[in-house]
Protein backbone atom coordinates (compact mmCIF):
# COMPACT_ATOMS: atom_id res chain seq x y z
CA MET A 1 174.15 60.83 -18.60
CA ILE A 2 171.40 58.78 -19.94
CA MET A 3 172.19 55.32 -21.22
CA THR A 4 175.46 56.70 -23.27
CA ASP A 5 176.21 52.98 -24.50
CA LEU A 6 172.99 53.16 -26.85
CA SER A 7 172.81 55.13 -29.76
CA LEU A 8 169.72 57.13 -30.84
CA GLN A 9 168.53 54.03 -33.24
CA GLN A 10 168.92 51.53 -30.44
CA LYS A 11 166.94 53.62 -27.98
CA ARG A 12 164.29 53.97 -30.51
CA GLU A 13 164.23 50.36 -31.31
CA ARG A 14 164.15 49.58 -27.56
CA THR A 15 160.99 51.88 -27.03
CA THR A 16 159.32 50.49 -30.09
CA LYS A 17 159.61 46.88 -28.73
CA ILE A 18 158.20 47.95 -25.46
CA ILE A 19 155.25 49.75 -27.04
CA SER A 20 154.67 46.97 -29.53
CA ASN A 21 154.26 44.57 -26.47
CA ILE A 22 151.15 47.04 -25.21
CA LEU A 23 149.42 45.55 -28.11
CA ASN A 24 149.57 42.21 -26.97
CA LEU A 25 148.01 43.40 -23.84
CA ASN A 26 144.33 43.31 -23.23
CA VAL A 27 144.17 47.25 -22.53
CA ILE A 28 140.99 47.89 -24.59
CA PRO A 29 137.79 45.92 -23.16
CA LYS A 30 136.47 43.30 -25.34
CA VAL A 31 133.23 44.91 -25.72
CA VAL A 32 134.87 48.00 -27.29
CA PHE A 33 136.46 46.22 -29.92
CA GLU A 34 132.92 44.67 -30.71
CA LEU A 35 131.57 48.03 -30.69
CA MET A 36 133.97 49.25 -33.11
CA LYS A 37 133.33 46.45 -35.53
CA ILE A 38 129.71 46.77 -35.71
CA LEU A 39 129.71 50.61 -35.96
CA ASP A 40 131.81 50.29 -39.27
CA ASN A 41 129.01 47.57 -40.51
CA PRO A 42 126.50 49.73 -42.52
CA ASN A 43 123.85 46.92 -41.81
CA THR A 44 124.11 47.41 -38.22
CA THR A 45 120.79 48.38 -36.63
CA ALA A 46 120.35 50.85 -33.56
CA GLY A 47 119.00 47.87 -31.68
CA GLU A 48 122.00 45.86 -32.10
CA LEU A 49 124.12 48.65 -31.02
CA ASN A 50 122.14 49.61 -28.04
CA LYS A 51 122.21 45.76 -26.91
CA ILE A 52 126.12 45.65 -26.95
CA ILE A 53 126.63 49.25 -25.35
CA SER A 54 124.28 48.29 -22.63
CA LYS A 55 126.42 45.51 -21.35
CA ASP A 56 128.65 47.86 -20.03
CA GLN A 57 127.03 50.40 -17.69
CA ALA A 58 130.08 52.57 -16.99
CA LEU A 59 130.39 53.12 -20.56
CA VAL A 60 126.70 54.04 -20.91
CA THR A 61 127.10 56.44 -18.21
CA LYS A 62 130.23 58.14 -19.84
CA ILE A 63 128.40 58.15 -23.16
CA LEU A 64 125.37 60.01 -21.95
CA SER A 65 127.76 62.32 -20.05
CA VAL A 66 129.50 63.41 -23.15
CA ALA A 67 126.39 63.69 -25.22
CA ASN A 68 125.01 66.02 -22.72
CA SER A 69 127.96 68.35 -22.62
CA PRO A 70 128.48 71.60 -24.61
CA LEU A 71 130.44 69.61 -27.14
CA TYR A 72 126.93 68.82 -28.83
CA GLY A 73 124.87 71.52 -27.50
CA LEU A 74 121.72 69.33 -27.68
CA GLN A 75 118.45 71.06 -26.64
CA ARG A 76 117.12 68.07 -25.05
CA LYS A 77 118.67 65.92 -22.47
CA VAL A 78 119.87 62.59 -23.67
CA ALA A 79 118.71 59.98 -21.17
CA THR A 80 118.87 56.79 -22.98
CA ILE A 81 121.30 55.08 -25.48
CA ASP A 82 118.44 54.66 -27.88
CA PHE A 83 118.17 58.26 -28.02
CA ALA A 84 121.95 58.98 -28.06
CA ILE A 85 122.15 56.75 -31.22
CA LEU A 86 119.08 58.66 -32.73
CA VAL A 87 120.56 62.36 -32.27
CA LEU A 88 124.27 61.80 -32.59
CA GLY A 89 124.55 58.92 -35.28
CA PHE A 90 127.05 56.11 -35.40
CA LYS A 91 130.00 58.18 -36.60
CA GLU A 92 129.76 60.34 -33.45
CA LEU A 93 129.36 57.57 -31.08
CA LYS A 94 132.46 55.72 -32.43
CA SER A 95 134.20 58.81 -31.87
CA ILE A 96 132.80 58.94 -28.21
CA ILE A 97 133.51 55.30 -27.47
CA SER A 98 136.99 55.52 -28.96
CA VAL A 99 138.15 58.32 -26.64
CA ILE A 100 136.49 56.98 -23.59
CA SER A 101 137.90 53.45 -23.89
CA ILE A 102 141.30 54.34 -24.72
CA SER A 103 141.53 57.09 -21.99
CA ASP A 104 140.34 54.63 -19.48
CA ALA A 105 142.74 51.95 -20.52
CA LEU A 106 145.80 53.98 -20.40
CA LYS A 107 145.04 55.58 -17.11
CA ASN A 108 147.61 55.68 -14.47
CA LYS A 109 147.99 56.98 -10.95
CA THR A 110 148.87 60.57 -10.42
CA ASP A 111 152.17 61.11 -9.26
CA LYS A 112 154.88 64.05 -9.13
CA TYR A 113 155.61 63.57 -12.89
CA LEU A 114 151.81 63.68 -14.26
CA ASN A 115 148.61 64.63 -12.66
CA GLN A 116 145.94 62.39 -14.36
CA LYS A 117 143.24 64.74 -13.75
CA GLU A 118 144.86 67.59 -15.42
CA PHE A 119 146.15 65.40 -18.36
CA MET A 120 142.62 64.07 -19.06
CA LEU A 121 141.24 67.47 -18.74
CA HIS A 122 143.76 68.87 -21.16
CA SER A 123 142.98 66.17 -23.62
CA TYR A 124 139.39 66.77 -23.72
CA MET A 125 139.90 70.35 -23.75
CA VAL A 126 142.10 70.12 -27.18
CA GLY A 127 139.41 67.72 -28.50
CA ALA A 128 136.61 69.81 -27.81
CA ALA A 129 138.30 72.98 -29.37
CA SER A 130 139.69 70.91 -32.48
CA LYS A 131 135.88 69.67 -32.79
CA LYS A 132 134.52 73.19 -32.90
CA ILE A 133 137.20 74.87 -35.13
CA ALA A 134 136.89 71.97 -37.35
CA LYS A 135 133.36 72.88 -37.82
CA ASP A 136 133.62 76.27 -38.03
CA MET A 137 136.27 75.82 -40.76
CA GLY A 138 133.82 73.52 -42.78
CA PHE A 139 135.13 70.28 -42.23
CA GLN A 140 132.55 67.52 -42.93
CA ASN A 141 133.58 65.40 -40.03
CA SER A 142 134.45 67.10 -37.08
CA GLY A 143 134.23 63.88 -35.06
CA GLU A 144 137.61 62.77 -36.42
CA ALA A 145 139.31 66.42 -35.30
CA PHE A 146 137.62 65.50 -31.74
CA ILE A 147 139.50 61.92 -31.71
CA ALA A 148 142.82 63.61 -33.08
CA GLY A 149 142.55 66.57 -30.47
CA PHE A 150 141.45 64.17 -27.78
CA LEU A 151 144.24 61.53 -28.38
CA HIS A 152 147.20 63.98 -29.51
CA ASP A 153 149.25 63.24 -26.27
CA ILE A 154 148.29 59.83 -26.04
CA GLY A 155 151.98 59.10 -26.22
CA ILE A 156 152.72 60.60 -22.85
CA SER A 157 150.19 58.72 -21.22
CA VAL A 158 151.54 55.25 -22.72
CA VAL A 159 155.10 56.36 -21.67
CA HIS A 160 154.14 57.39 -18.07
CA ARG A 161 152.33 53.92 -17.55
CA TYR A 162 154.38 51.57 -19.43
CA LEU A 163 157.91 53.18 -19.28
CA HIS A 164 157.60 54.97 -15.94
CA SER A 165 161.39 54.74 -15.19
CA ASN A 166 162.04 56.53 -18.41
CA PHE A 167 159.55 59.33 -17.58
CA ALA A 168 161.25 59.83 -14.44
CA LEU A 169 164.54 60.15 -16.41
CA ILE A 170 162.92 62.63 -18.61
CA PHE A 171 162.04 64.93 -15.94
CA ASP A 172 165.58 64.57 -14.24
CA LEU A 173 166.88 65.87 -17.58
CA MET A 174 164.37 68.78 -17.81
CA GLU A 175 165.13 69.86 -14.35
CA ASN A 176 168.79 69.10 -14.06
CA GLN A 177 169.96 70.06 -17.50
CA LYS A 178 167.10 72.28 -18.54
CA MET A 179 166.11 70.41 -21.85
CA THR A 180 162.80 70.83 -23.24
CA PHE A 181 160.37 67.94 -22.67
CA ARG A 182 160.41 66.75 -26.50
CA ASP A 183 164.43 66.95 -26.52
CA ALA A 184 164.72 65.07 -23.16
CA GLU A 185 161.90 62.42 -24.49
CA VAL A 186 164.46 61.93 -27.84
CA GLU A 187 167.46 61.52 -25.31
CA VAL A 188 165.59 59.00 -23.32
CA ASN A 189 163.34 57.06 -25.68
CA GLY A 190 164.84 57.86 -28.95
CA MET A 191 161.52 59.04 -30.21
CA THR A 192 158.85 61.43 -29.10
CA HIS A 193 155.39 61.11 -27.63
CA GLU A 194 153.81 62.19 -31.07
CA GLU A 195 155.72 59.41 -32.69
CA ILE A 196 154.61 56.80 -29.90
CA GLY A 197 151.06 58.05 -29.97
CA SER A 198 150.76 57.53 -33.81
CA PHE A 199 152.37 54.24 -33.97
CA LEU A 200 149.81 52.77 -31.47
CA LEU A 201 146.89 54.44 -32.94
CA GLU A 202 148.05 53.04 -36.50
CA LYS A 203 148.36 49.50 -34.78
CA TRP A 204 144.78 49.94 -33.52
CA ASN A 205 143.45 50.72 -36.99
CA PHE A 206 142.54 54.29 -36.51
CA PRO A 207 142.13 56.32 -39.85
CA ALA A 208 145.37 57.57 -41.47
CA GLU A 209 144.06 61.13 -40.92
CA ILE A 210 143.88 60.71 -37.35
CA CYS A 211 147.40 59.01 -36.95
CA ASP A 212 149.01 61.80 -39.20
CA ALA A 213 147.47 64.57 -37.19
CA VAL A 214 148.70 63.06 -33.86
CA LEU A 215 152.15 62.33 -35.51
CA ASN A 216 152.48 66.01 -36.43
CA HIS A 217 150.58 68.13 -34.05
CA HIS A 218 153.76 70.02 -33.02
CA ASN A 219 154.74 70.24 -36.67
CA PRO A 220 151.82 70.26 -38.95
CA GLY A 221 153.68 71.44 -41.98
CA LYS A 222 155.32 67.89 -42.09
CA ALA A 223 152.11 66.35 -42.10
CA GLN A 224 151.89 63.96 -45.26
CA ILE A 225 147.96 63.26 -45.21
CA SER A 226 145.98 65.89 -43.03
CA PRO A 227 148.21 68.95 -42.33
CA ALA A 228 144.92 71.04 -42.00
CA MET A 229 143.65 68.71 -39.08
CA ALA A 230 147.23 68.63 -37.59
CA SER A 231 147.22 72.44 -37.41
CA ILE A 232 143.76 72.47 -35.96
CA VAL A 233 145.28 70.13 -33.16
CA SER A 234 148.15 72.42 -32.75
CA VAL A 235 146.11 75.55 -32.47
CA SER A 236 143.69 73.90 -29.93
CA ASP A 237 146.68 72.79 -27.93
CA TYR A 238 148.31 76.13 -28.11
CA MET A 239 144.84 77.82 -26.90
CA THR A 240 144.76 75.67 -23.53
CA GLN A 241 148.11 77.65 -22.88
CA SER A 242 146.78 81.07 -24.00
CA LEU A 243 143.54 80.92 -22.35
CA LYS A 244 144.91 79.07 -18.88
CA VAL A 245 142.13 76.31 -19.28
CA GLY A 246 143.34 72.83 -19.25
CA GLU A 247 146.96 73.87 -19.94
CA LEU A 248 149.51 71.11 -19.57
CA LYS A 249 152.71 72.01 -17.99
CA LEU A 250 154.68 70.03 -20.41
CA ASP A 251 153.73 72.20 -23.17
CA LYS A 252 155.37 75.32 -21.79
CA ASP A 253 157.60 75.50 -24.84
CA ASN A 254 154.97 74.84 -27.24
CA HIS A 255 154.87 77.00 -30.37
CA LEU A 256 152.92 77.30 -33.65
CA ASP A 257 154.96 76.49 -36.68
CA ASP A 258 155.05 78.50 -40.00
CA TYR A 259 152.25 76.42 -41.73
CA THR A 260 149.69 76.64 -38.83
CA LEU A 261 150.31 80.33 -38.76
CA SER A 262 149.72 80.66 -42.66
CA LYS A 263 146.69 78.08 -42.44
CA PHE A 264 144.86 80.40 -39.84
CA ASN A 265 146.23 83.76 -41.19
CA PHE A 266 148.11 84.51 -38.26
CA GLU A 267 151.08 87.13 -38.89
CA LYS A 268 152.52 86.03 -35.54
CA GLU A 269 151.74 83.98 -32.48
CA LEU A 270 149.95 87.08 -31.03
CA ASP A 271 147.04 86.85 -33.40
CA ALA A 272 146.71 83.15 -32.02
CA GLU A 273 145.88 84.85 -28.94
CA LYS A 274 143.20 86.90 -30.26
CA PHE A 275 141.93 83.85 -31.95
CA ALA A 276 141.86 82.03 -28.91
CA ALA A 277 139.77 84.67 -27.06
CA LYS A 278 136.84 84.06 -29.54
CA TYR A 279 136.67 80.57 -27.93
CA LYS A 280 137.03 81.30 -24.24
CA ASP A 281 133.54 80.77 -23.50
CA LEU A 282 133.57 77.31 -25.14
CA PHE A 283 136.48 76.25 -22.90
CA TRP A 284 135.09 77.54 -19.79
CA GLU A 285 131.56 75.65 -20.60
CA GLN A 286 133.61 72.31 -20.81
CA LEU A 287 134.97 72.67 -17.41
CA GLU A 288 131.43 71.62 -16.10
CA PHE A 289 131.20 68.50 -17.99
CA VAL A 290 134.45 66.67 -17.46
CA ARG A 291 133.09 64.20 -14.93
CA PHE A 292 133.22 61.18 -17.33
CA LEU A 293 137.11 61.48 -17.43
CA ASN A 294 137.32 60.54 -13.80
């Protein structure tokens, strides 16, 4: 049994306390906070932005890698940050910098519980698909859908790195008591990875729409702010399993809720399989451009 002396609420409070301590750690580089601040300033010039980004050559390399990926489908190669700023704009750069920085900060060593390369590939695939689907559905800011999709499972990464013994207990429950991943999460942590991820993103001042989508990507019908975005992330997550590209083993019990089925005019999940087939080329194209995650 797992900590039977603790109630569900006590487990939840204990996990929240540990996660809150992460906020006090310098997990996000100082240059990134500096970038986020000036990107939100309408008076910021391209020259000022370029100067700050250029302080971190690793970040420069990754930004250019993403800019040249099929995610944006640009006709010309982006070889400099100046050109990236010109063709992508501040909003898209903010999306790219946000996901790169957080994914780098929360990386842990691969072990038998979680393969980091597979996890980051899954995150990127869901982000890329969310961006494309949002654009196809007429969303004005598909960049936010990319962020929500990329960071939808950030709670898994947080638990694996900062609550590793709990992560091991979760797997023990899955293997020996045949629990689903999310049921085992609640049993051990008192909360799910969606709740943990949304909690951190909210504390890091991410837009409410993104936090809400991350919180409800397994149950978009419960979303209070952006159920449509949550449903896009849910479908993109489901598509990785359907297409067997960038899938996450922890998602083997993943299903689409009634709201998502209705939003996409699916009568049943089989319709989602047909929908996924339309994006098969997108998924395979992205495989060649995930080096920036490693």
